[in-house]
Amino acid sequence: MTNKTIGKYGEQLAKNFLIKKGFEILELNYRYSRLAEIDIIAKKADTIHFIEVKTRTQNFFGEPLEAINQNKLKSIYKCALYYIQNVSKKTKKYQIDAIGIVLNKENEPNITYIENLTL
């Protein structure tokens, strides 16, 4: 599998994971600009969740969530603010979350979900 294929597969796994947890999926791969994208925008109760998904086939070079740095968080934050101001004015609660997925040799996922990341 290519990195792009792995990433798309991971986003699909994350989407299914969130649906099972009771989330409503609002957007997939939402773009604010060519430099800012949010993998999944979902809603649960009265909170909108902006979710970054990182998928790896191995963790020799670190866990997937370690790839989310300050610059990536700033980009997600800007994109989230744009979404709130222009698309969804119905909520005042939002947070940035992350899902890390490591696939084993049979492509079975080990999923880690972290809520409410901050800059």
PDB file of N, CA and C in Angstrom:
ATOM      1  N   MET A   1       0.837  -1.194   0.000  1.00  0.00           N
ATOM      2  CA  MET A   1       0.000   0.000   0.000  1.00  0.00           C
ATOM      3  C   MET A   1       0.876   1.250   0.000  1.00  0.00           C
ATOM      4  N   THR A   2       0.425   2.264  -0.700  1.00  0.00           N
ATOM      5  CA  THR A   2       1.133   3.540  -0.701  1.00  0.00           C
ATOM      6  C   THR A   2       0.757   4.329   0.551  1.00  0.00           C
ATOM      7  N   ASN A   3       1.521   5.366   0.844  1.00  0.00           N
ATOM      8  CA  ASN A   3       1.207   6.204   1.998  1.00  0.00           C
ATOM      9  C   ASN A   3      -0.184   6.823   1.881  1.00  0.00           C
ATOM     10  N   LYS A   4      -0.546   7.227   0.673  1.00  0.00           N
ATOM     11  CA  LYS A   4      -1.862   7.823   0.458  1.00  0.00           C
ATOM     12  C   LYS A   4      -2.971   6.798   0.720  1.00  0.00           C
ATOM     13  N   THR A   5      -2.781   5.582   0.245  1.00  0.00           N
ATOM     14  CA  THR A   5      -3.759   4.517   0.467  1.00  0.00           C
ATOM     15  C   THR A   5      -3.878   4.191   1.956  1.00  0.00           C
ATOM     16  N   ILE A   6      -2.742   4.131   2.624  1.00  0.00           N
ATOM     17  CA  ILE A   6      -2.738   3.867   4.066  1.00  0.00           C
ATOM     18  C   ILE A   6      -3.487   4.978   4.802  1.00  0.00           C
ATOM     19  N   GLY A   7      -3.244   6.217   4.403  1.00  0.00           N
ATOM     20  CA  GLY A   7      -3.910   7.356   5.036  1.00  0.00           C
ATOM     21  C   GLY A   7      -5.415   7.312   4.849  1.00  0.00           C
ATOM     22  N   LYS A   8      -5.872   7.036   3.629  1.00  0.00           N
ATOM     23  CA  LYS A   8      -7.314   6.935   3.351  1.00  0.00           C
ATOM     24  C   LYS A   8      -7.943   5.785   4.126  1.00  0.00           C
ATOM     25  N   TYR A   9      -7.243   4.656   4.189  1.00  0.00           N
ATOM     26  CA  TYR A   9      -7.739   3.503   4.943  1.00  0.00           C
ATOM     27  C   TYR A   9      -7.851   3.867   6.429  1.00  0.00           C
ATOM     28  N   GLY A  10      -6.847   4.549   6.945  1.00  0.00           N
ATOM     29  CA  GLY A  10      -6.879   4.979   8.345  1.00  0.00           C
ATOM     30  C   GLY A  10      -8.030   5.929   8.625  1.00  0.00           C
ATOM     31  N   GLU A  11      -8.297   6.855   7.702  1.00  0.00           N
ATOM     32  CA  GLU A  11      -9.416   7.785   7.884  1.00  0.00           C
ATOM     33  C   GLU A  11     -10.747   7.045   7.887  1.00  0.00           C
ATOM     34  N   GLN A  12     -10.869   6.019   7.058  1.00  0.00           N
ATOM     35  CA  GLN A  12     -12.096   5.216   7.041  1.00  0.00           C
ATOM     36  C   GLN A  12     -12.258   4.454   8.359  1.00  0.00           C
ATOM     37  N   LEU A  13     -11.157   3.883   8.865  1.00  0.00           N
ATOM     38  CA  LEU A  13     -11.197   3.198  10.152  1.00  0.00           C
ATOM     39  C   LEU A  13     -11.580   4.171  11.272  1.00  0.00           C
ATOM     40  N   ALA A  14     -11.007   5.374  11.233  1.00  0.00           N
ATOM     41  CA  ALA A  14     -11.305   6.386  12.249  1.00  0.00           C
ATOM     42  C   ALA A  14     -12.774   6.803  12.186  1.00  0.00           C
ATOM     43  N   LYS A  15     -13.275   6.990  10.990  1.00  0.00           N
ATOM     44  CA  LYS A  15     -14.690   7.356  10.801  1.00  0.00           C
ATOM     45  C   LYS A  15     -15.592   6.285  11.416  1.00  0.00           C
ATOM     46  N   ASN A  16     -15.336   5.026  11.096  1.00  0.00           N
ATOM     47  CA  ASN A  16     -16.134   3.928  11.648  1.00  0.00           C
ATOM     48  C   ASN A  16     -16.026   3.863  13.168  1.00  0.00           C
ATOM     49  N   PHE A  17     -14.829   4.086  13.689  1.00  0.00           N
ATOM     50  CA  PHE A  17     -14.590   4.108  15.133  1.00  0.00           C
ATOM     51  C   PHE A  17     -15.450   5.182  15.798  1.00  0.00           C
ATOM     52  N   LEU A  18     -15.455   6.377  15.210  1.00  0.00           N
ATOM     53  CA  LEU A  18     -16.220   7.489  15.777  1.00  0.00           C
ATOM     54  C   LEU A  18     -17.728   7.234  15.717  1.00  0.00           C
ATOM     55  N   ILE A  19     -18.193   6.689  14.622  1.00  0.00           N
ATOM     56  CA  ILE A  19     -19.619   6.380  14.493  1.00  0.00           C
ATOM     57  C   ILE A  19     -20.040   5.391  15.583  1.00  0.00           C
ATOM     58  N   LYS A  20     -19.207   4.383  15.830  1.00  0.00           N
ATOM     59  CA  LYS A  20     -19.514   3.407  16.883  1.00  0.00           C
ATOM     60  C   LYS A  20     -19.532   4.057  18.266  1.00  0.00           C
ATOM     61  N   LYS A  21     -18.789   5.151  18.424  1.00  0.00           N
ATOM     62  CA  LYS A  21     -18.747   5.876  19.702  1.00  0.00           C
ATOM     63  C   LYS A  21     -19.871   6.900  19.815  1.00  0.00           C
ATOM     64  N   GLY A  22     -20.740   6.979  18.805  1.00  0.00           N
ATOM     65  CA  GLY A  22     -21.886   7.876  18.883  1.00  0.00           C
ATOM     66  C   GLY A  22     -21.708   9.244  18.253  1.00  0.00           C
ATOM     67  N   PHE A  23     -20.658   9.417  17.470  1.00  0.00           N
ATOM     68  CA  PHE A  23     -20.422  10.690  16.784  1.00  0.00           C
ATOM     69  C   PHE A  23     -21.229  10.758  15.494  1.00  0.00           C
ATOM     70  N   GLU A  24     -21.623  11.969  15.130  1.00  0.00           N
ATOM     71  CA  GLU A  24     -22.214  12.231  13.820  1.00  0.00           C
ATOM     72  C   GLU A  24     -21.109  12.836  12.965  1.00  0.00           C
ATOM     73  N   ILE A  25     -20.822  12.254  11.822  1.00  0.00           N
ATOM     74  CA  ILE A  25     -19.775  12.762  10.938  1.00  0.00           C
ATOM     75  C   ILE A  25     -20.352  13.914  10.118  1.00  0.00           C
ATOM     76  N   LEU A  26     -19.721  15.085  10.215  1.00  0.00           N
ATOM     77  CA  LEU A  26     -20.185  16.275   9.501  1.00  0.00           C
ATOM     78  C   LEU A  26     -19.421  16.501   8.199  1.00  0.00           C
ATOM     79  N   GLU A  27     -18.113  16.302   8.230  1.00  0.00           N
ATOM     80  CA  GLU A  27     -17.267  16.551   7.054  1.00  0.00           C
ATOM     81  C   GLU A  27     -16.084  15.586   7.074  1.00  0.00           C
ATOM     82  N   LEU A  28     -15.621  15.248   5.881  1.00  0.00           N
ATOM     83  CA  LEU A  28     -14.381  14.486   5.720  1.00  0.00           C
ATOM     84  C   LEU A  28     -13.446  15.310   4.841  1.00  0.00           C
ATOM     85  N   ASN A  29     -12.195  15.391   5.224  1.00  0.00           N
ATOM     86  CA  ASN A  29     -11.172  16.116   4.471  1.00  0.00           C
ATOM     87  C   ASN A  29     -11.612  17.541   4.146  1.00  0.00           C
ATOM     88  N   TYR A  30     -12.003  18.270   5.178  1.00  0.00           N
ATOM     89  CA  TYR A  30     -12.456  19.652   5.025  1.00  0.00           C
ATOM     90  C   TYR A  30     -11.248  20.560   4.824  1.00  0.00           C
ATOM     91  N   ARG A  31     -11.255  21.327   3.743  1.00  0.00           N
ATOM     92  CA  ARG A  31     -10.135  22.217   3.407  1.00  0.00           C
ATOM     93  C   ARG A  31     -10.502  23.676   3.619  1.00  0.00           C
ATOM     94  N   TYR A  32      -9.591  24.369   4.281  1.00  0.00           N
ATOM     95  CA  TYR A  32      -9.684  25.819   4.434  1.00  0.00           C
ATOM     96  C   TYR A  32      -8.831  26.490   3.361  1.00  0.00           C
ATOM     97  N   SER A  33      -7.698  25.915   3.090  1.00  0.00           N
ATOM     98  CA  SER A  33      -6.801  26.382   2.039  1.00  0.00           C
ATOM     99  C   SER A  33      -6.006  25.169   1.572  1.00  0.00           C
ATOM    100  N   ARG A  34      -5.113  25.382   0.643  1.00  0.00           N
ATOM    101  CA  ARG A  34      -4.331  24.220   0.205  1.00  0.00           C
ATOM    102  C   ARG A  34      -3.353  23.756   1.283  1.00  0.00           C
ATOM    103  N   LEU A  35      -3.155  24.569   2.302  1.00  0.00           N
ATOM    104  CA  LEU A  35      -2.235  24.209   3.378  1.00  0.00           C
ATOM    105  C   LEU A  35      -2.937  23.744   4.648  1.00  0.00           C
ATOM    106  N   ALA A  36      -4.251  23.918   4.727  1.00  0.00           N
ATOM    107  CA  ALA A  36      -4.964  23.575   5.952  1.00  0.00           C
ATOM    108  C   ALA A  36      -6.125  22.640   5.656  1.00  0.00           C
ATOM    109  N   GLU A  37      -6.090  21.484   6.284  1.00  0.00           N
ATOM    110  CA  GLU A  37      -7.147  20.501   6.103  1.00  0.00           C
ATOM    111  C   GLU A  37      -7.405  19.806   7.434  1.00  0.00           C
ATOM    112  N   ILE A  38      -8.667  19.483   7.664  1.00  0.00           N
ATOM    113  CA  ILE A  38      -9.041  18.687   8.825  1.00  0.00           C
ATOM    114  C   ILE A  38      -9.577  17.361   8.296  1.00  0.00           C
ATOM    115  N   ASP A  39      -9.044  16.264   8.819  1.00  0.00           N
ATOM    116  CA  ASP A  39      -9.415  14.945   8.310  1.00  0.00           C
ATOM    117  C   ASP A  39     -10.895  14.637   8.547  1.00  0.00           C
ATOM    118  N   ILE A  40     -11.343  14.845   9.792  1.00  0.00           N
ATOM    119  CA  ILE A  40     -12.733  14.543  10.131  1.00  0.00           C
ATOM    120  C   ILE A  40     -13.288  15.648  11.025  1.00  0.00           C
ATOM    121  N   ILE A  41     -14.480  16.114  10.686  1.00  0.00           N
ATOM    122  CA  ILE A  41     -15.218  17.002  11.577  1.00  0.00           C
ATOM    123  C   ILE A  41     -16.454  16.222  11.993  1.00  0.00           C
ATOM    124  N   ALA A  42     -16.624  16.077  13.301  1.00  0.00           N
ATOM    125  CA  ALA A  42     -17.725  15.278  13.826  1.00  0.00           C
ATOM    126  C   ALA A  42     -18.391  16.023  14.979  1.00  0.00           C
ATOM    127  N   LYS A  43     -19.592  15.594  15.298  1.00  0.00           N
ATOM    128  CA  LYS A  43     -20.330  16.220  16.395  1.00  0.00           C
ATOM    129  C   LYS A  43     -20.824  15.135  17.341  1.00  0.00           C
ATOM    130  N   LYS A  44     -20.693  15.424  18.624  1.00  0.00           N
ATOM    131  CA  LYS A  44     -21.248  14.553  19.655  1.00  0.00           C
ATOM    132  C   LYS A  44     -21.831  15.457  20.725  1.00  0.00           C
ATOM    133  N   ALA A  45     -23.096  15.228  21.032  1.00  0.00           N
ATOM    134  CA  ALA A  45     -23.839  16.097  21.946  1.00  0.00           C
ATOM    135  C   ALA A  45     -23.799  17.514  21.377  1.00  0.00           C
ATOM    136  N   ASP A  46     -23.301  18.478  22.138  1.00  0.00           N
ATOM    137  CA  ASP A  46     -23.278  19.865  21.663  1.00  0.00           C
ATOM    138  C   ASP A  46     -21.870  20.351  21.349  1.00  0.00           C
ATOM    139  N   THR A  47     -20.950  19.423  21.082  1.00  0.00           N
ATOM    140  CA  THR A  47     -19.554  19.766  20.809  1.00  0.00           C
ATOM    141  C   THR A  47     -19.151  19.307  19.409  1.00  0.00           C
ATOM    142  N   ILE A  48     -18.480  20.196  18.696  1.00  0.00           N
ATOM    143  CA  ILE A  48     -17.901  19.834  17.405  1.00  0.00           C
ATOM    144  C   ILE A  48     -16.446  19.420  17.644  1.00  0.00           C
ATOM    145  N   HIS A  49     -16.069  18.302  17.063  1.00  0.00           N
ATOM    146  CA  HIS A  49     -14.719  17.750  17.205  1.00  0.00           C
ATOM    147  C   HIS A  49     -13.999  17.849  15.862  1.00  0.00           C
ATOM    148  N   PHE A  50     -12.836  18.480  15.870  1.00  0.00           N
ATOM    149  CA  PHE A  50     -11.983  18.575  14.689  1.00  0.00           C
ATOM    150  C   PHE A  50     -10.874  17.551  14.897  1.00  0.00           C
ATOM    151  N   ILE A  51     -10.844  16.529  14.049  1.00  0.00           N
ATOM    152  CA  ILE A  51     -10.035  15.350  14.337  1.00  0.00           C
ATOM    153  C   ILE A  51      -8.968  15.132  13.267  1.00  0.00           C
ATOM    154  N   GLU A  52      -7.736  15.054  13.732  1.00  0.00           N
ATOM    155  CA  GLU A  52      -6.593  14.720  12.880  1.00  0.00           C
ATOM    156  C   GLU A  52      -6.349  13.219  13.001  1.00  0.00           C
ATOM    157  N   VAL A  53      -6.152  12.548  11.868  1.00  0.00           N
ATOM    158  CA  VAL A  53      -5.917  11.104  11.858  1.00  0.00           C
ATOM    159  C   VAL A  53      -4.518  10.834  11.312  1.00  0.00           C
ATOM    160  N   LYS A  54      -3.752  10.052  12.045  1.00  0.00           N
ATOM    161  CA  LYS A  54      -2.427   9.630  11.604  1.00  0.00           C
ATOM    162  C   LYS A  54      -2.373   8.107  11.630  1.00  0.00           C
ATOM    163  N   THR A  55      -1.974   7.527  10.503  1.00  0.00           N
ATOM    164  CA  THR A  55      -1.940   6.071  10.376  1.00  0.00           C
ATOM    165  C   THR A  55      -0.536   5.623   9.970  1.00  0.00           C
ATOM    166  N   ARG A  56      -0.074   4.551  10.592  1.00  0.00           N
ATOM    167  CA  ARG A  56       1.231   3.982  10.278  1.00  0.00           C
ATOM    168  C   ARG A  56       1.098   2.464  10.181  1.00  0.00           C
ATOM    169  N   THR A  57       1.976   1.854   9.394  1.00  0.00           N
ATOM    170  CA  THR A  57       2.007   0.396   9.321  1.00  0.00           C
ATOM    171  C   THR A  57       3.012  -0.186  10.319  1.00  0.00           C
ATOM    172  N   GLN A  58       3.791   0.668  10.901  1.00  0.00           N
ATOM    173  CA  GLN A  58       4.738   0.256  11.937  1.00  0.00           C
ATOM    174  C   GLN A  58       5.078   1.474  12.781  1.00  0.00           C
ATOM    175  N   ASN A  59       5.584   1.249  13.961  1.00  0.00           N
ATOM    176  CA  ASN A  59       5.937   2.387  14.806  1.00  0.00           C
ATOM    177  C   ASN A  59       7.426   2.408  15.150  1.00  0.00           C
ATOM    178  N   PHE A  60       8.248   1.937  14.218  1.00  0.00           N
ATOM    179  CA  PHE A  60       9.693   1.952  14.420  1.00  0.00           C
ATOM    180  C   PHE A  60      10.219   3.381  14.581  1.00  0.00           C
ATOM    181  N   PHE A  61       9.583   4.327  13.910  1.00  0.00           N
ATOM    182  CA  PHE A  61      10.045   5.705  13.939  1.00  0.00           C
ATOM    183  C   PHE A  61       9.177   6.569  14.852  1.00  0.00           C
ATOM    184  N   GLY A  62       8.452   5.944  15.758  1.00  0.00           N
ATOM    185  CA  GLY A  62       7.603   6.668  16.696  1.00  0.00           C
ATOM    186  C   GLY A  62       6.130   6.377  16.456  1.00  0.00           C
ATOM    187  N   GLU A  63       5.353   6.720  17.436  1.00  0.00           N
ATOM    188  CA  GLU A  63       3.908   6.534  17.364  1.00  0.00           C
ATOM    189  C   GLU A  63       3.297   7.538  16.382  1.00  0.00           C
ATOM    190  N   PRO A  64       2.180   7.196  15.763  1.00  0.00           N
ATOM    191  CA  PRO A  64       1.561   8.103  14.787  1.00  0.00           C
ATOM    192  C   PRO A  64       1.247   9.490  15.355  1.00  0.00           C
ATOM    193  N   LEU A  65       0.783   9.533  16.586  1.00  0.00           N
ATOM    194  CA  LEU A  65       0.387  10.822  17.168  1.00  0.00           C
ATOM    195  C   LEU A  65       1.576  11.750  17.425  1.00  0.00           C
ATOM    196  N   GLU A  66       2.779  11.192  17.458  1.00  0.00           N
ATOM    197  CA  GLU A  66       3.968  12.019  17.639  1.00  0.00           C
ATOM    198  C   GLU A  66       4.218  12.913  16.420  1.00  0.00           C
ATOM    199  N   ALA A  67       3.569  12.610  15.306  1.00  0.00           N
ATOM    200  CA  ALA A  67       3.734  13.401  14.079  1.00  0.00           C
ATOM    201  C   ALA A  67       2.904  14.686  14.103  1.00  0.00           C
ATOM    202  N   ILE A  68       2.078  14.859  15.112  1.00  0.00           N
ATOM    203  CA  ILE A  68       1.260  16.075  15.210  1.00  0.00           C
ATOM    204  C   ILE A  68       2.040  17.092  16.037  1.00  0.00           C
ATOM    205  N   ASN A  69       2.634  18.059  15.338  1.00  0.00           N
ATOM    206  CA  ASN A  69       3.459  19.063  16.008  1.00  0.00           C
ATOM    207  C   ASN A  69       2.682  20.378  16.183  1.00  0.00           C
ATOM    208  N   GLN A  70       3.346  21.372  16.736  1.00  0.00           N
ATOM    209  CA  GLN A  70       2.702  22.674  16.991  1.00  0.00           C
ATOM    210  C   GLN A  70       2.205  23.321  15.700  1.00  0.00           C
ATOM    211  N   ASN A  71       2.989  23.242  14.643  1.00  0.00           N
ATOM    212  CA  ASN A  71       2.564  23.833  13.374  1.00  0.00           C
ATOM    213  C   ASN A  71       1.299  23.168  12.842  1.00  0.00           C
ATOM    214  N   LYS A  72       1.217  21.857  12.959  1.00  0.00           N
ATOM    215  CA  LYS A  72       0.017  21.134  12.505  1.00  0.00           C
ATOM    216  C   LYS A  72      -1.183  21.542  13.352  1.00  0.00           C
ATOM    217  N   LEU A  73      -0.993  21.650  14.661  1.00  0.00           N
ATOM    218  CA  LEU A  73      -2.092  22.072  15.541  1.00  0.00           C
ATOM    219  C   LEU A  73      -2.573  23.482  15.202  1.00  0.00           C
ATOM    220  N   LYS A  74      -1.645  24.379  14.905  1.00  0.00           N
ATOM    221  CA  LYS A  74      -2.021  25.746  14.526  1.00  0.00           C
ATOM    222  C   LYS A  74      -2.830  25.744  13.235  1.00  0.00           C
ATOM    223  N   SER A  75      -2.418  24.923  12.285  1.00  0.00           N
ATOM    224  CA  SER A  75      -3.131  24.813  11.022  1.00  0.00           C
ATOM    225  C   SER A  75      -4.552  24.284  11.239  1.00  0.00           C
ATOM    226  N   ILE A  76      -4.692  23.259  12.059  1.00  0.00           N
ATOM    227  CA  ILE A  76      -6.013  22.706  12.372  1.00  0.00           C
ATOM    228  C   ILE A  76      -6.865  23.755  13.081  1.00  0.00           C
ATOM    229  N   TYR A  77      -6.263  24.472  14.007  1.00  0.00           N
ATOM    230  CA  TYR A  77      -6.988  25.496  14.761  1.00  0.00           C
ATOM    231  C   TYR A  77      -7.533  26.582  13.825  1.00  0.00           C
ATOM    232  N   LYS A  78      -6.705  27.051  12.902  1.00  0.00           N
ATOM    233  CA  LYS A  78      -7.152  28.079  11.950  1.00  0.00           C
ATOM    234  C   LYS A  78      -8.288  27.562  11.078  1.00  0.00           C
ATOM    235  N   CYS A  79      -8.158  26.344  10.620  1.00  0.00           N
ATOM    236  CA  CYS A  79      -9.185  25.738   9.791  1.00  0.00           C
ATOM    237  C   CYS A  79     -10.477  25.555  10.598  1.00  0.00           C
ATOM    238  N   ALA A  80     -10.354  25.154  11.844  1.00  0.00           N
ATOM    239  CA  ALA A  80     -11.521  24.977  12.714  1.00  0.00           C
ATOM    240  C   ALA A  80     -12.237  26.303  12.943  1.00  0.00           C
ATOM    241  N   LEU A  81     -11.483  27.363  13.180  1.00  0.00           N
ATOM    242  CA  LEU A  81     -12.101  28.680  13.372  1.00  0.00           C
ATOM    243  C   LEU A  81     -12.853  29.120  12.121  1.00  0.00           C
ATOM    244  N   TYR A  82     -12.263  28.890  10.962  1.00  0.00           N
ATOM    245  CA  TYR A  82     -12.930  29.233   9.707  1.00  0.00           C
ATOM    246  C   TYR A  82     -14.239  28.449   9.585  1.00  0.00           C
ATOM    247  N   TYR A  83     -14.195  27.166   9.890  1.00  0.00           N
ATOM    248  CA  TYR A  83     -15.397  26.329   9.811  1.00  0.00           C
ATOM    249  C   TYR A  83     -16.484  26.847  10.746  1.00  0.00           C
ATOM    250  N   ILE A  84     -16.108  27.154  11.969  1.00  0.00           N
ATOM    251  CA  ILE A  84     -17.082  27.633  12.967  1.00  0.00           C
ATOM    252  C   ILE A  84     -17.701  28.953  12.525  1.00  0.00           C
ATOM    253  N   GLN A  85     -16.892  29.853  12.006  1.00  0.00           N
ATOM    254  CA  GLN A  85     -17.378  31.176  11.610  1.00  0.00           C
ATOM    255  C   GLN A  85     -18.219  31.142  10.343  1.00  0.00           C
ATOM    256  N   ASN A  86     -17.930  30.238   9.438  1.00  0.00           N
ATOM    257  CA  ASN A  86     -18.569  30.262   8.129  1.00  0.00           C
ATOM    258  C   ASN A  86     -19.551  29.126   7.855  1.00  0.00           C
ATOM    259  N   VAL A  87     -19.462  28.060   8.596  1.00  0.00           N
ATOM    260  CA  VAL A  87     -20.307  26.913   8.294  1.00  0.00           C
ATOM    261  C   VAL A  87     -21.244  26.586   9.449  1.00  0.00           C
ATOM    262  N   SER A  88     -20.704  26.501  10.642  1.00  0.00           N
ATOM    263  CA  SER A  88     -21.493  26.039  11.778  1.00  0.00           C
ATOM    264  C   SER A  88     -21.517  27.087  12.877  1.00  0.00           C
ATOM    265  N   LYS A  89     -22.525  27.907  12.876  1.00  0.00           N
ATOM    266  CA  LYS A  89     -22.648  28.937  13.912  1.00  0.00           C
ATOM    267  C   LYS A  89     -23.593  28.477  15.020  1.00  0.00           C
ATOM    268  N   LYS A  90     -23.889  27.198  15.058  1.00  0.00           N
ATOM    269  CA  LYS A  90     -24.864  26.679  16.003  1.00  0.00           C
ATOM    270  C   LYS A  90     -24.256  26.209  17.313  1.00  0.00           C
ATOM    271  N   THR A  91     -22.949  26.222  17.415  1.00  0.00           N
ATOM    272  CA  THR A  91     -22.335  25.712  18.632  1.00  0.00           C
ATOM    273  C   THR A  91     -21.219  26.634  19.101  1.00  0.00           C
ATOM    274  N   LYS A  92     -21.018  26.646  20.374  1.00  0.00           N
ATOM    275  CA  LYS A  92     -19.917  27.407  20.951  1.00  0.00           C
ATOM    276  C   LYS A  92     -18.856  26.475  21.526  1.00  0.00           C
ATOM    277  N   LYS A  93     -19.154  25.181  21.536  1.00  0.00           N
ATOM    278  CA  LYS A  93     -18.213  24.208  22.077  1.00  0.00           C
ATOM    279  C   LYS A  93     -17.530  23.470  20.938  1.00  0.00           C
ATOM    280  N   TYR A  94     -16.222  23.459  20.996  1.00  0.00           N
ATOM    281  CA  TYR A  94     -15.473  22.689  20.010  1.00  0.00           C
ATOM    282  C   TYR A  94     -14.142  22.291  20.611  1.00  0.00           C
ATOM    283  N   GLN A  95     -13.523  21.289  20.019  1.00  0.00           N
ATOM    284  CA  GLN A  95     -12.213  20.854  20.478  1.00  0.00           C
ATOM    285  C   GLN A  95     -11.480  20.163  19.342  1.00  0.00           C
ATOM    286  N   ILE A  96     -10.167  20.094  19.493  1.00  0.00           N
ATOM    287  CA  ILE A  96      -9.316  19.398  18.533  1.00  0.00           C
ATOM    288  C   ILE A  96      -8.919  18.067  19.155  1.00  0.00           C
ATOM    289  N   ASP A  97      -9.154  16.992  18.411  1.00  0.00           N
ATOM    290  CA  ASP A  97      -8.831  15.645  18.859  1.00  0.00           C
ATOM    291  C   ASP A  97      -7.878  14.999  17.853  1.00  0.00           C
ATOM    292  N   ALA A  98      -7.346  13.848  18.227  1.00  0.00           N
ATOM    293  CA  ALA A  98      -6.471  13.111  17.312  1.00  0.00           C
ATOM    294  C   ALA A  98      -6.715  11.620  17.457  1.00  0.00           C
ATOM    295  N   ILE A  99      -6.596  10.941  16.336  1.00  0.00           N
ATOM    296  CA  ILE A  99      -6.676   9.479  16.325  1.00  0.00           C
ATOM    297  C   ILE A  99      -5.399   8.961  15.689  1.00  0.00           C
ATOM    298  N   GLY A 100      -4.705   8.096  16.420  1.00  0.00           N
ATOM    299  CA  GLY A 100      -3.513   7.430  15.907  1.00  0.00           C
ATOM    300  C   GLY A 100      -3.825   5.971  15.650  1.00  0.00           C
ATOM    301  N   ILE A 101      -3.433   5.483  14.487  1.00  0.00           N
ATOM    302  CA  ILE A 101      -3.713   4.098  14.111  1.00  0.00           C
ATOM    303  C   ILE A 101      -2.419   3.429  13.675  1.00  0.00           C
ATOM    304  N   VAL A 102      -2.142   2.272  14.270  1.00  0.00           N
ATOM    305  CA  VAL A 102      -1.027   1.435  13.824  1.00  0.00           C
ATOM    306  C   VAL A 102      -1.638   0.150  13.298  1.00  0.00           C
ATOM    307  N   LEU A 103      -1.311  -0.170  12.044  1.00  0.00           N
ATOM    308  CA  LEU A 103      -1.825  -1.384  11.412  1.00  0.00           C
ATOM    309  C   LEU A 103      -0.817  -2.521  11.573  1.00  0.00           C
ATOM    310  N   ASN A 104      -1.311  -3.710  11.924  1.00  0.00           N
ATOM    311  CA  ASN A 104      -0.405  -4.856  11.988  1.00  0.00           C
ATOM    312  C   ASN A 104      -0.255  -5.467  10.594  1.00  0.00           C
ATOM    313  N   LYS A 105       0.426  -6.574  10.485  1.00  0.00           N
ATOM    314  CA  LYS A 105       0.702  -7.176   9.178  1.00  0.00           C
ATOM    315  C   LYS A 105      -0.558  -7.632   8.454  1.00  0.00           C
ATOM    316  N   GLU A 106      -1.637  -7.861   9.188  1.00  0.00           N
ATOM    317  CA  GLU A 106      -2.916  -8.245   8.585  1.00  0.00           C
ATOM    318  C   GLU A 106      -3.820  -7.025   8.383  1.00  0.00           C
ATOM    319  N   ASN A 107      -3.245  -5.819   8.538  1.00  0.00           N
ATOM    320  CA  ASN A 107      -3.966  -4.544   8.420  1.00  0.00           C
ATOM    321  C   ASN A 107      -5.066  -4.372   9.465  1.00  0.00           C
ATOM    322  N   GLU A 108      -4.930  -5.062  10.596  1.00  0.00           N
ATOM    323  CA  GLU A 108      -5.849  -4.866  11.715  1.00  0.00           C
ATOM    324  C   GLU A 108      -5.350  -3.682  12.530  1.00  0.00           C
ATOM    325  N   PRO A 109      -6.250  -2.778  12.923  1.00  0.00           N
ATOM    326  CA  PRO A 109      -5.814  -1.542  13.567  1.00  0.00           C
ATOM    327  C   PRO A 109      -5.712  -1.616  15.092  1.00  0.00           C
ATOM    328  N   ASN A 110      -4.754  -0.885  15.595  1.00  0.00           N
ATOM    329  CA  ASN A 110      -4.679  -0.552  17.014  1.00  0.00           C
ATOM    330  C   ASN A 110      -4.934   0.955  17.064  1.00  0.00           C
ATOM    331  N   ILE A 111      -6.085   1.354  17.610  1.00  0.00           N
ATOM    332  CA  ILE A 111      -6.527   2.745  17.552  1.00  0.00           C
ATOM    333  C   ILE A 111      -6.363   3.428  18.906  1.00  0.00           C
ATOM    334  N   THR A 112      -5.751   4.623  18.869  1.00  0.00           N
ATOM    335  CA  THR A 112      -5.616   5.467  20.055  1.00  0.00           C
ATOM    336  C   THR A 112      -6.341   6.776  19.777  1.00  0.00           C
ATOM    337  N   TYR A 113      -7.235   7.152  20.692  1.00  0.00           N
ATOM    338  CA  TYR A 113      -8.018   8.376  20.523  1.00  0.00           C
ATOM    339  C   TYR A 113      -7.692   9.328  21.673  1.00  0.00           C
ATOM    340  N   ILE A 114      -7.230  10.517  21.324  1.00  0.00           N
ATOM    341  CA  ILE A 114      -6.908  11.535  22.328  1.00  0.00           C
ATOM    342  C   ILE A 114      -7.811  12.744  22.089  1.00  0.00           C
ATOM    343  N   GLU A 115      -8.484  13.170  23.151  1.00  0.00           N
ATOM    344  CA  GLU A 115      -9.413  14.278  23.047  1.00  0.00           C
ATOM    345  C   GLU A 115      -8.801  15.577  23.565  1.00  0.00           C
ATOM    346  N   ASN A 116      -9.261  16.672  22.983  1.00  0.00           N
ATOM    347  CA  ASN A 116      -9.014  18.021  23.452  1.00  0.00           C
ATOM    348  C   ASN A 116      -7.529  18.390  23.513  1.00  0.00           C
ATOM    349  N   LEU A 117      -6.868  18.326  22.363  1.00  0.00           N
ATOM    350  CA  LEU A 117      -5.476  18.764  22.262  1.00  0.00           C
ATOM    351  C   LEU A 117      -5.421  20.294  22.347  1.00  0.00           C
ATOM    352  N   THR A 118      -4.350  20.818  22.899  1.00  0.00           N
ATOM    353  CA  THR A 118      -4.197  22.279  22.981  1.00  0.00           C
ATOM    354  C   THR A 118      -2.882  22.693  22.360  1.00  0.00           C
ATOM    355  N   LEU A 119      -2.818  23.966  21.990  1.00  0.00           N
ATOM    356  CA  LEU A 119      -1.600  24.517  21.383  1.00  0.00           C
ATOM    357  C   LEU A 119      -0.510  24.679  22.413  1.00  0.00           C
TER     358      LEU A 119
END
